[in-house]
Amino acid sequence: MGDTTGIIRLQANGPEGLTPLPIDPAEFETPPEAQNVHVYFADANLGLTVGVWDSGPMQEAFGPFPGDEFIVVLEGAFRVLDGSGAGVSAKAGQCATLRNGIPVSWQQDGYVRKFFMTYNDPRAATPQEPPAQGGVIVLSPDMTLTDAELMEDTSTPQRDRNLFSNDLGNFDVGLWDTQVLNTPLEPFPYHEMAQVLEGEVYLTEADGTRHHFTAGDVFFITAGTPCIWHVPKYLRKFYAALDPANRPAG
């Protein structure tokens, strides 16, 4: 588990179900009865984990959030509370980003299931308690782009909006779209988790394996994977991208 490379389709129940997580009551204000996870990709040296997680009702202990995270909420709803009890809420159908180190408490009244991409680089210094305000951003799948956001030097019209950048400057979340697109076979430059919001894309690996993703699908591409992108008409997606070559010295 967690050593898969290439292009990975994320499934809400993992390939064969989720694995129970041990629960330490000291980590919670109100512990859940159960939490489960399936890790699709993990690189402990880099501090990157991609997977699917679920939990019953609970509230975590107040403290620094452990990493920069991009979330696709599949079921349920949660709140991220600051020290005053104020918070930001997200629910099924939305995505969210959380900044590493913000002092918060995750709270949910019911069942929650999510896809996640979490980055917590062991080389990086401990964040100096960044403010909770602005540290959680909720993204609506209805977001669209304008022609003012057209990218330069692209062979086909592509638009991009940065929605979140981490403090290290190597983990970005954004909204991107493209018209008809055909790329050569070339290594993908970074780790990316993407949710297709509109349209479709075919991704072909060097060995001929072909993946087809449409609206609602979530996938992960490991950095360096040779692949061809074919967008027959239009594609709009959220993405979280990590550049593994740009990280703290260590």
Foldseek 3Di string as FASTA:
>chain_A
DADDAFKFWADQQGPPGWAWDDDDCVFFPFTFPTKTWDWNHDDVQFQKTWTKMKTFFTKTDWWWDQFKKKKAWAAAKKWKAAPVRDTDIDGHQKMKIAAGGAGTMIGGNGMTMIIMIGTHHPQDDHDPHDYRVPRMDIGHLPDDDDPVQWDPPDPFTKGKDWDDAYPLRFKTKIKMKTFWDKDDFFWAQWKKKKAWSAAKKWKAFPVGDIDIDGHGIIMIHHGGTGIIIGGPGMTMMIMITGRSVRDDDD
